[in-house]
PDB file of N, CA and C in Angstrom:
ATOM      1  N   UNK A   1      48.836 134.190-116.618  1.00  0.00           N
ATOM      2  CA  UNK A   1      49.206 132.955-117.140  1.00  0.00           C
ATOM      3  C   UNK A   1      49.915 132.164-116.086  1.00  0.00           C
ATOM      4  N   UNK A   2      49.485 130.951-115.922  1.00  0.00           N
ATOM      5  CA  UNK A   2      50.061 130.084-114.888  1.00  0.00           C
ATOM      6  C   UNK A   2      51.388 129.530-115.300  1.00  0.00           C
ATOM      7  N   UNK A   3      52.170 129.003-114.317  1.00  0.00           N
ATOM      8  CA  UNK A   3      53.357 128.370-114.631  1.00  0.00           C
ATOM      9  C   UNK A   3      53.188 127.225-115.553  1.00  0.00           C
ATOM     10  N   UNK A   4      52.165 126.429-115.307  1.00  0.00           N
ATOM     11  CA  UNK A   4      51.845 125.188-116.092  1.00  0.00           C
ATOM     12  C   UNK A   4      51.509 125.729-117.557  1.00  0.00           C
ATOM     13  N   UNK A   5      50.703 126.729-117.701  1.00  0.00           N
ATOM     14  CA  UNK A   5      50.363 127.243-119.104  1.00  0.00           C
ATOM     15  C   UNK A   5      51.608 127.696-119.823  1.00  0.00           C
ATOM     16  N   UNK A   6      52.462 128.450-119.063  1.00  0.00           N
ATOM     17  CA  UNK A   6      53.761 128.896-119.731  1.00  0.00           C
ATOM     18  C   UNK A   6      54.564 127.733-120.112  1.00  0.00           C
ATOM     19  N   UNK A   7      54.728 126.758-119.195  1.00  0.00           N
ATOM     20  CA  UNK A   7      55.504 125.601-119.540  1.00  0.00           C
ATOM     21  C   UNK A   7      54.964 124.847-120.645  1.00  0.00           C
ATOM     22  N   UNK A   8      53.646 124.685-120.732  1.00  0.00           N
ATOM     23  CA  UNK A   8      53.022 123.934-121.873  1.00  0.00           C
ATOM     24  C   UNK A   8      53.305 124.737-123.192  1.00  0.00           C
ATOM     25  N   UNK A   9      53.168 126.033-123.138  1.00  0.00           N
ATOM     26  CA  UNK A   9      53.426 126.837-124.343  1.00  0.00           C
ATOM     27  C   UNK A   9      54.913 126.706-124.878  1.00  0.00           C
ATOM     28  N   UNK A  10      55.812 126.564-123.843  1.00  0.00           N
ATOM     29  CA  UNK A  10      57.209 126.483-124.271  1.00  0.00           C
ATOM     30  C   UNK A  10      57.688 125.020-124.415  1.00  0.00           C
ATOM     31  N   UNK A  11      56.868 124.105-124.155  1.00  0.00           N
ATOM     32  CA  UNK A  11      57.211 122.604-124.223  1.00  0.00           C
ATOM     33  C   UNK A  11      58.201 122.224-123.175  1.00  0.00           C
ATOM     34  N   UNK A  12      58.155 122.753-121.997  1.00  0.00           N
ATOM     35  CA  UNK A  12      59.092 122.455-120.935  1.00  0.00           C
ATOM     36  C   UNK A  12      58.326 121.950-119.633  1.00  0.00           C
ATOM     37  N   UNK A  13      59.013 121.561-118.660  1.00  0.00           N
ATOM     38  CA  UNK A  13      58.322 121.099-117.426  1.00  0.00           C
ATOM     39  C   UNK A  13      57.966 122.328-116.589  1.00  0.00           C
ATOM     40  N   UNK A  14      56.849 122.246-115.914  1.00  0.00           N
ATOM     41  CA  UNK A  14      56.470 123.424-114.970  1.00  0.00           C
ATOM     42  C   UNK A  14      57.506 123.822-114.017  1.00  0.00           C
ATOM     43  N   UNK A  15      58.244 122.791-113.462  1.00  0.00           N
ATOM     44  CA  UNK A  15      59.272 122.986-112.557  1.00  0.00           C
ATOM     45  C   UNK A  15      60.393 124.021-113.031  1.00  0.00           C
ATOM     46  N   UNK A  16      60.624 123.994-114.416  1.00  0.00           N
ATOM     47  CA  UNK A  16      61.577 124.889-114.914  1.00  0.00           C
ATOM     48  C   UNK A  16      61.087 126.298-114.676  1.00  0.00           C
ATOM     49  N   UNK A  17      59.844 126.564-115.042  1.00  0.00           N
ATOM     50  CA  UNK A  17      59.263 127.914-114.797  1.00  0.00           C
ATOM     51  C   UNK A  17      59.365 128.306-113.383  1.00  0.00           C
ATOM     52  N   UNK A  18      59.069 127.357-112.518  1.00  0.00           N
ATOM     53  CA  UNK A  18      59.070 127.603-111.044  1.00  0.00           C
ATOM     54  C   UNK A  18      60.480 128.094-110.599  1.00  0.00           C
ATOM     55  N   UNK A  19      61.508 127.346-111.089  1.00  0.00           N
ATOM     56  CA  UNK A  19      62.947 127.709-110.742  1.00  0.00           C
ATOM     57  C   UNK A  19      63.205 129.130-111.338  1.00  0.00           C
ATOM     58  N   UNK A  20      62.755 129.450-112.519  1.00  0.00           N
ATOM     59  CA  UNK A  20      63.006 130.884-113.055  1.00  0.00           C
ATOM     60  C   UNK A  20      62.349 131.852-112.080  1.00  0.00           C
ATOM     61  N   UNK A  21      61.162 131.667-111.654  1.00  0.00           N
ATOM     62  CA  UNK A  21      60.471 132.639-110.762  1.00  0.00           C
ATOM     63  C   UNK A  21      61.160 132.701-109.405  1.00  0.00           C
ATOM     64  N   UNK A  22      61.625 131.549-108.919  1.00  0.00           N
ATOM     65  CA  UNK A  22      62.299 131.509-107.648  1.00  0.00           C
ATOM     66  C   UNK A  22      63.735 132.111-107.644  1.00  0.00           C
ATOM     67  N   UNK A  23      64.294 132.257-108.991  1.00  0.00           N
ATOM     68  CA  UNK A  23      65.611 132.794-109.021  1.00  0.00           C
ATOM     69  C   UNK A  23      66.713 131.730-108.917  1.00  0.00           C
ATOM     70  N   UNK A  24      66.278 130.474-108.857  1.00  0.00           N
ATOM     71  CA  UNK A  24      67.331 129.395-108.686  1.00  0.00           C
ATOM     72  C   UNK A  24      67.854 128.960-110.018  1.00  0.00           C
ATOM     73  N   UNK A  25      67.239 129.408-111.102  1.00  0.00           N
ATOM     74  CA  UNK A  25      67.866 129.079-112.472  1.00  0.00           C
ATOM     75  C   UNK A  25      67.279 130.180-113.464  1.00  0.00           C
ATOM     76  N   UNK A  26      67.869 130.257-114.603  1.00  0.00           N
ATOM     77  CA  UNK A  26      67.471 131.193-115.625  1.00  0.00           C
ATOM     78  C   UNK A  26      67.091 130.443-116.896  1.00  0.00           C
ATOM     79  N   UNK A  27      66.274 130.990-117.742  1.00  0.00           N
ATOM     80  CA  UNK A  27      66.051 130.296-119.035  1.00  0.00           C
ATOM     81  C   UNK A  27      67.277 130.253-119.873  1.00  0.00           C
ATOM     82  N   UNK A  28      67.364 129.093-120.631  1.00  0.00           N
ATOM     83  CA  UNK A  28      68.513 128.945-121.595  1.00  0.00           C
ATOM     84  C   UNK A  28      68.354 130.134-122.616  1.00  0.00           C
ATOM     85  N   UNK A  29      69.511 130.543-123.119  1.00  0.00           N
ATOM     86  CA  UNK A  29      69.512 131.636-124.105  1.00  0.00           C
ATOM     87  C   UNK A  29      68.671 131.255-125.294  1.00  0.00           C
ATOM     88  N   UNK A  30      68.797 130.016-125.773  1.00  0.00           N
ATOM     89  CA  UNK A  30      68.066 129.594-127.009  1.00  0.00           C
ATOM     90  C   UNK A  30      66.551 129.514-126.773  1.00  0.00           C
ATOM     91  N   UNK A  31      66.092 129.727-125.497  1.00  0.00           N
ATOM     92  CA  UNK A  31      64.688 129.679-125.161  1.00  0.00           C
ATOM     93  C   UNK A  31      64.074 131.088-125.127  1.00  0.00           C
ATOM     94  N   UNK A  32      64.940 132.096-125.101  1.00  0.00           N
ATOM     95  CA  UNK A  32      64.466 133.468-124.933  1.00  0.00           C
ATOM     96  C   UNK A  32      63.524 134.012-125.976  1.00  0.00           C
ATOM     97  N   UNK A  33      63.754 133.558-127.222  1.00  0.00           N
ATOM     98  CA  UNK A  33      62.862 134.016-128.332  1.00  0.00           C
ATOM     99  C   UNK A  33      61.524 133.560-128.102  1.00  0.00           C
ATOM    100  N   UNK A  34      61.348 132.268-127.882  1.00  0.00           N
ATOM    101  CA  UNK A  34      60.030 131.636-127.565  1.00  0.00           C
ATOM    102  C   UNK A  34      59.430 132.236-126.373  1.00  0.00           C
ATOM    103  N   UNK A  35      60.173 132.460-125.301  1.00  0.00           N
ATOM    104  CA  UNK A  35      59.635 133.009-124.125  1.00  0.00           C
ATOM    105  C   UNK A  35      59.086 134.423-124.378  1.00  0.00           C
ATOM    106  N   UNK A  36      59.881 135.252-125.070  1.00  0.00           N
ATOM    107  CA  UNK A  36      59.367 136.624-125.363  1.00  0.00           C
ATOM    108  C   UNK A  36      58.136 136.641-126.165  1.00  0.00           C
ATOM    109  N   UNK A  37      57.915 135.650-127.097  1.00  0.00           N
ATOM    110  CA  UNK A  37      56.865 135.551-127.908  1.00  0.00           C
ATOM    111  C   UNK A  37      55.545 135.171-127.068  1.00  0.00           C
ATOM    112  N   UNK A  38      55.766 134.181-126.284  1.00  0.00           N
ATOM    113  CA  UNK A  38      54.693 133.781-125.388  1.00  0.00           C
ATOM    114  C   UNK A  38      54.235 134.895-124.418  1.00  0.00           C
ATOM    115  N   UNK A  39      55.173 135.612-123.859  1.00  0.00           N
ATOM    116  CA  UNK A  39      54.837 136.575-122.865  1.00  0.00           C
ATOM    117  C   UNK A  39      54.456 137.976-123.525  1.00  0.00           C
ATOM    118  N   UNK A  40      54.720 138.150-124.783  1.00  0.00           N
ATOM    119  CA  UNK A  40      54.410 139.389-125.435  1.00  0.00           C
ATOM    120  C   UNK A  40      55.332 140.494-125.133  1.00  0.00           C
ATOM    121  N   UNK A  41      56.598 140.186-124.848  1.00  0.00           N
ATOM    122  CA  UNK A  41      57.550 141.295-124.570  1.00  0.00           C
ATOM    123  C   UNK A  41      58.774 141.031-125.483  1.00  0.00           C
ATOM    124  N   UNK A  42      59.618 142.038-125.581  1.00  0.00           N
ATOM    125  CA  UNK A  42      60.820 141.924-126.335  1.00  0.00           C
ATOM    126  C   UNK A  42      61.924 141.166-125.552  1.00  0.00           C
ATOM    127  N   UNK A  43      62.798 140.419-126.216  1.00  0.00           N
ATOM    128  CA  UNK A  43      63.902 139.645-125.566  1.00  0.00           C
ATOM    129  C   UNK A  43      64.693 140.650-124.717  1.00  0.00           C
ATOM    130  N   UNK A  44      64.869 141.843-125.167  1.00  0.00           N
ATOM    131  CA  UNK A  44      65.656 142.783-124.425  1.00  0.00           C
ATOM    132  C   UNK A  44      65.085 143.078-123.033  1.00  0.00           C
ATOM    133  N   UNK A  45      63.812 143.043-122.998  1.00  0.00           N
ATOM    134  CA  UNK A  45      63.124 143.241-121.680  1.00  0.00           C
ATOM    135  C   UNK A  45      63.425 142.045-120.752  1.00  0.00           C
ATOM    136  N   UNK A  46      63.366 140.829-121.301  1.00  0.00           N
ATOM    137  CA  UNK A  46      63.642 139.669-120.461  1.00  0.00           C
ATOM    138  C   UNK A  46      65.152 139.690-119.965  1.00  0.00           C
ATOM    139  N   UNK A  47      66.010 140.298-120.738  1.00  0.00           N
ATOM    140  CA  UNK A  47      67.433 140.336-120.242  1.00  0.00           C
ATOM    141  C   UNK A  47      67.732 141.448-119.315  1.00  0.00           C
ATOM    142  N   UNK A  48      67.087 142.609-119.625  1.00  0.00           N
ATOM    143  CA  UNK A  48      67.287 143.864-118.773  1.00  0.00           C
ATOM    144  C   UNK A  48      66.103 144.039-117.983  1.00  0.00           C
ATOM    145  N   UNK A  49      66.223 143.753-116.615  1.00  0.00           N
ATOM    146  CA  UNK A  49      65.068 143.865-115.768  1.00  0.00           C
ATOM    147  C   UNK A  49      64.741 145.321-115.356  1.00  0.00           C
ATOM    148  N   UNK A  50      65.681 146.308-115.767  1.00  0.00           N
ATOM    149  CA  UNK A  50      65.438 147.652-115.459  1.00  0.00           C
ATOM    150  C   UNK A  50      64.617 148.366-116.536  1.00  0.00           C
ATOM    151  N   UNK A  51      64.389 147.779-117.718  1.00  0.00           N
ATOM    152  CA  UNK A  51      63.674 148.399-118.775  1.00  0.00           C
ATOM    153  C   UNK A  51      62.246 148.178-118.576  1.00  0.00           C
ATOM    154  N   UNK A  52      61.446 149.103-119.177  1.00  0.00           N
ATOM    155  CA  UNK A  52      60.036 148.892-119.004  1.00  0.00           C
ATOM    156  C   UNK A  52      59.563 147.886-120.190  1.00  0.00           C
ATOM    157  N   UNK A  53      58.504 147.095-119.905  1.00  0.00           N
ATOM    158  CA  UNK A  53      58.130 146.121-120.882  1.00  0.00           C
ATOM    159  C   UNK A  53      57.545 146.800-122.050  1.00  0.00           C
ATOM    160  N   UNK A  54      57.940 146.524-123.207  1.00  0.00           N
ATOM    161  CA  UNK A  54      57.412 147.045-124.436  1.00  0.00           C
ATOM    162  C   UNK A  54      56.685 145.909-125.076  1.00  0.00           C
ATOM    163  N   UNK A  55      55.378 145.980-125.175  1.00  0.00           N
ATOM    164  CA  UNK A  55      54.558 144.875-125.663  1.00  0.00           C
ATOM    165  C   UNK A  55      54.692 144.638-127.077  1.00  0.00           C
ATOM    166  N   UNK A  56      54.707 143.296-127.516  1.00  0.00           N
ATOM    167  CA  UNK A  56      54.780 143.023-128.897  1.00  0.00           C
ATOM    168  C   UNK A  56      53.386 142.994-129.427  1.00  0.00           C
ATOM    169  N   UNK A  57      52.517 142.466-128.587  1.00  0.00           N
ATOM    170  CA  UNK A  57      51.010 142.564-129.011  1.00  0.00           C
ATOM    171  C   UNK A  57      50.216 142.966-127.747  1.00  0.00           C
ATOM    172  N   UNK A  58      49.094 143.559-127.925  1.00  0.00           N
ATOM    173  CA  UNK A  58      48.287 144.068-126.890  1.00  0.00           C
ATOM    174  C   UNK A  58      47.065 143.074-126.535  1.00  0.00           C
ATOM    175  N   UNK A  59      46.750 143.055-125.352  1.00  0.00           N
ATOM    176  CA  UNK A  59      45.585 142.264-124.945  1.00  0.00           C
ATOM    177  C   UNK A  59      44.393 143.288-124.469  1.00  0.00           C
ATOM    178  N   UNK A  60      44.650 144.550-124.499  1.00  0.00           N
ATOM    179  CA  UNK A  60      43.775 145.557-124.078  1.00  0.00           C
ATOM    180  C   UNK A  60      42.440 145.523-124.778  1.00  0.00           C
ATOM    181  N   UNK A  61      41.325 145.520-124.104  1.00  0.00           N
ATOM    182  CA  UNK A  61      39.946 145.478-124.837  1.00  0.00           C
ATOM    183  C   UNK A  61      39.894 146.721-125.707  1.00  0.00           C
ATOM    184  N   UNK A  62      40.500 147.872-125.303  1.00  0.00           N
ATOM    185  CA  UNK A  62      40.288 149.141-126.098  1.00  0.00           C
ATOM    186  C   UNK A  62      41.036 148.931-127.488  1.00  0.00           C
ATOM    187  N   UNK A  63      42.208 148.338-127.518  1.00  0.00           N
ATOM    188  CA  UNK A  63      42.931 148.116-128.716  1.00  0.00           C
ATOM    189  C   UNK A  63      42.146 147.020-129.487  1.00  0.00           C
ATOM    190  N   UNK A  64      41.738 145.977-128.788  1.00  0.00           N
ATOM    191  CA  UNK A  64      41.013 144.851-129.485  1.00  0.00           C
ATOM    192  C   UNK A  64      39.796 145.295-130.105  1.00  0.00           C
ATOM    193  N   UNK A  65      39.086 146.173-129.425  1.00  0.00           N
ATOM    194  CA  UNK A  65      37.815 146.760-130.000  1.00  0.00           C
ATOM    195  C   UNK A  65      38.016 147.571-131.322  1.00  0.00           C
ATOM    196  N   UNK A  66      39.212 148.068-131.476  1.00  0.00           N
ATOM    197  CA  UNK A  66      39.483 148.855-132.739  1.00  0.00           C
ATOM    198  C   UNK A  66      39.829 148.025-133.856  1.00  0.00           C
ATOM    199  N   UNK A  67      40.010 146.674-133.626  1.00  0.00           N
ATOM    200  CA  UNK A  67      40.315 145.819-134.722  1.00  0.00           C
ATOM    201  C   UNK A  67      39.096 145.387-135.517  1.00  0.00           C
ATOM    202  N   UNK A  68      39.333 145.087-136.791  1.00  0.00           N
ATOM    203  CA  UNK A  68      38.191 144.512-137.603  1.00  0.00           C
ATOM    204  C   UNK A  68      38.080 143.057-137.185  1.00  0.00           C
ATOM    205  N   UNK A  69      36.965 142.568-137.648  1.00  0.00           N
ATOM    206  CA  UNK A  69      36.564 141.081-137.375  1.00  0.00           C
ATOM    207  C   UNK A  69      37.682 140.163-137.858  1.00  0.00           C
ATOM    208  N   UNK A  70      38.259 140.424-139.036  1.00  0.00           N
ATOM    209  CA  UNK A  70      39.333 139.613-139.493  1.00  0.00           C
ATOM    210  C   UNK A  70      40.617 139.759-138.659  1.00  0.00           C
ATOM    211  N   UNK A  71      40.854 140.958-138.240  1.00  0.00           N
ATOM    212  CA  UNK A  71      42.050 141.162-137.446  1.00  0.00           C
ATOM    213  C   UNK A  71      41.966 140.516-135.956  1.00  0.00           C
ATOM    214  N   UNK A  72      40.744 140.539-135.495  1.00  0.00           N
ATOM    215  CA  UNK A  72      40.352 139.965-134.214  1.00  0.00           C
ATOM    216  C   UNK A  72      40.590 138.435-134.349  1.00  0.00           C
ATOM    217  N   UNK A  73      40.155 137.835-135.505  1.00  0.00           N
ATOM    218  CA  UNK A  73      40.254 136.363-135.690  1.00  0.00           C
ATOM    219  C   UNK A  73      41.770 136.002-135.739  1.00  0.00           C
ATOM    220  N   UNK A  74      42.455 136.744-136.489  1.00  0.00           N
ATOM    221  CA  UNK A  74      43.925 136.434-136.638  1.00  0.00           C
ATOM    222  C   UNK A  74      44.583 136.556-135.256  1.00  0.00           C
ATOM    223  N   UNK A  75      44.313 137.568-134.539  1.00  0.00           N
ATOM    224  CA  UNK A  75      44.847 137.767-133.244  1.00  0.00           C
ATOM    225  C   UNK A  75      44.476 136.596-132.277  1.00  0.00           C
ATOM    226  N   UNK A  76      43.224 136.220-132.332  1.00  0.00           N
ATOM    227  CA  UNK A  76      42.810 135.083-131.554  1.00  0.00           C
ATOM    228  C   UNK A  76      43.539 133.802-131.911  1.00  0.00           C
ATOM    229  N   UNK A  77      43.652 133.452-133.152  1.00  0.00           N
ATOM    230  CA  UNK A  77      44.454 132.322-133.583  1.00  0.00           C
ATOM    231  C   UNK A  77      45.851 132.390-133.143  1.00  0.00           C
ATOM    232  N   UNK A  78      46.516 133.611-133.339  1.00  0.00           N
ATOM    233  CA  UNK A  78      47.902 133.799-132.965  1.00  0.00           C
ATOM    234  C   UNK A  78      48.138 133.486-131.448  1.00  0.00           C
ATOM    235  N   UNK A  79      47.209 133.927-130.552  1.00  0.00           N
ATOM    236  CA  UNK A  79      47.416 133.748-129.133  1.00  0.00           C
ATOM    237  C   UNK A  79      47.153 132.256-128.818  1.00  0.00           C
ATOM    238  N   UNK A  80      46.528 131.512-129.742  1.00  0.00           N
ATOM    239  CA  UNK A  80      46.311 130.040-129.336  1.00  0.00           C
ATOM    240  C   UNK A  80      47.551 129.231-129.817  1.00  0.00           C
ATOM    241  N   UNK A  81      48.426 129.761-130.632  1.00  0.00           N
ATOM    242  CA  UNK A  81      49.444 129.066-131.183  1.00  0.00           C
ATOM    243  C   UNK A  81      50.641 128.778-130.156  1.00  0.00           C
ATOM    244  N   UNK A  82      51.324 127.716-130.343  1.00  0.00           N
ATOM    245  CA  UNK A  82      52.529 127.409-129.609  1.00  0.00           C
ATOM    246  C   UNK A  82      53.616 128.365-129.930  1.00  0.00           C
ATOM    247  N   UNK A  83      54.561 128.594-129.086  1.00  0.00           N
ATOM    248  CA  UNK A  83      55.588 129.617-129.366  1.00  0.00           C
ATOM    249  C   UNK A  83      56.350 129.356-130.700  1.00  0.00           C
ATOM    250  N   UNK A  84      56.661 128.208-131.072  1.00  0.00           N
ATOM    251  CA  UNK A  84      57.442 127.996-132.307  1.00  0.00           C
ATOM    252  C   UNK A  84      56.582 128.361-133.481  1.00  0.00           C
ATOM    253  N   UNK A  85      55.207 127.991-133.349  1.00  0.00           N
ATOM    254  CA  UNK A  85      54.341 128.261-134.430  1.00  0.00           C
ATOM    255  C   UNK A  85      54.135 129.765-134.587  1.00  0.00           C
ATOM    256  N   UNK A  86      54.145 130.492-133.545  1.00  0.00           N
ATOM    257  CA  UNK A  86      54.010 131.932-133.525  1.00  0.00           C
ATOM    258  C   UNK A  86      55.161 132.577-134.297  1.00  0.00           C
ATOM    259  N   UNK A  87      56.389 132.045-134.045  1.00  0.00           N
ATOM    260  CA  UNK A  87      57.572 132.564-134.675  1.00  0.00           C
ATOM    261  C   UNK A  87      57.416 132.399-136.269  1.00  0.00           C
ATOM    262  N   UNK A  88      57.084 131.183-136.655  1.00  0.00           N
ATOM    263  CA  UNK A  88      56.922 130.842-138.015  1.00  0.00           C
ATOM    264  C   UNK A  88      55.866 131.709-138.643  1.00  0.00           C
ATOM    265  N   UNK A  89      54.643 131.828-137.991  1.00  0.00           N
ATOM    266  CA  UNK A  89      53.621 132.699-138.443  1.00  0.00           C
ATOM    267  C   UNK A  89      54.030 134.160-138.652  1.00  0.00           C
ATOM    268  N   UNK A  90      54.801 134.652-137.751  1.00  0.00           N
ATOM    269  CA  UNK A  90      55.273 136.098-137.817  1.00  0.00           C
ATOM    270  C   UNK A  90      56.201 136.156-139.015  1.00  0.00           C
ATOM    271  N   UNK A  91      57.101 135.186-139.196  1.00  0.00           N
ATOM    272  CA  UNK A  91      58.019 135.320-140.293  1.00  0.00           C
ATOM    273  C   UNK A  91      57.233 135.281-141.630  1.00  0.00           C
ATOM    274  N   UNK A  92      56.324 134.432-141.735  1.00  0.00           N
ATOM    275  CA  UNK A  92      55.505 134.344-142.952  1.00  0.00           C
ATOM    276  C   UNK A  92      54.761 135.632-143.225  1.00  0.00           C
ATOM    277  N   UNK A  93      54.113 136.183-142.156  1.00  0.00           N
ATOM    278  CA  UNK A  93      53.415 137.438-142.204  1.00  0.00           C
ATOM    279  C   UNK A  93      54.266 138.542-142.673  1.00  0.00           C
ATOM    280  N   UNK A  94      55.501 138.617-142.182  1.00  0.00           N
ATOM    281  CA  UNK A  94      56.515 139.699-142.629  1.00  0.00           C
ATOM    282  C   UNK A  94      56.843 139.564-144.044  1.00  0.00           C
ATOM    283  N   UNK A  95      57.066 138.343-144.584  1.00  0.00           N
ATOM    284  CA  UNK A  95      57.324 138.126-145.964  1.00  0.00           C
ATOM    285  C   UNK A  95      56.131 138.564-146.841  1.00  0.00           C
ATOM    286  N   UNK A  96      54.957 138.205-146.408  1.00  0.00           N
ATOM    287  CA  UNK A  96      53.787 138.521-147.241  1.00  0.00           C
ATOM    288  C   UNK A  96      53.567 140.027-147.164  1.00  0.00           C
ATOM    289  N   UNK A  97      53.734 140.648-146.069  1.00  0.00           N
ATOM    290  CA  UNK A  97      53.478 142.099-145.963  1.00  0.00           C
ATOM    291  C   UNK A  97      54.507 142.931-146.865  1.00  0.00           C
ATOM    292  N   UNK A  98      55.631 142.329-147.029  1.00  0.00           N
ATOM    293  CA  UNK A  98      56.720 143.057-147.794  1.00  0.00           C
ATOM    294  C   UNK A  98      56.559 142.736-149.368  1.00  0.00           C
ATOM    295  N   UNK A  99      55.736 141.819-149.738  1.00  0.00           N
ATOM    296  CA  UNK A  99      55.587 141.530-151.110  1.00  0.00           C
ATOM    297  C   UNK A  99      54.930 142.741-151.874  1.00  0.00           C
ATOM    298  N   UNK A 100      55.400 142.991-153.120  1.00  0.00           N
ATOM    299  CA  UNK A 100      54.779 144.020-153.848  1.00  0.00           C
ATOM    300  C   UNK A 100      53.388 143.444-154.376  1.00  0.00           C
ATOM    301  N   UNK A 101      52.434 144.264-154.418  1.00  0.00           N
ATOM    302  CA  UNK A 101      51.129 143.880-154.870  1.00  0.00           C
ATOM    303  C   UNK A 101      50.929 144.111-156.307  1.00  0.00           C
TER     304      UNK A 101
END
């Protein structure tokens, strides 16, 4: 993912991402949830550089190949969403998954 793509997904200027990568500034605390969603890592990994990245979702072809066509469609749509939309989608999915059938 390029700096421009990350910036676009977060709704910020590409220069902000460049500053993060150069170490001249850090993301604001309120931006960490969106950043973790876009990057597919947990917030704790963003904060603790010594921890290994635990992926929230996989992009591996092996895992992707094990998904049904419907699951692949949902994953494809999820990856195309903006960070805030992903958070909303995830919250809705959690509520729906916890409903009694």
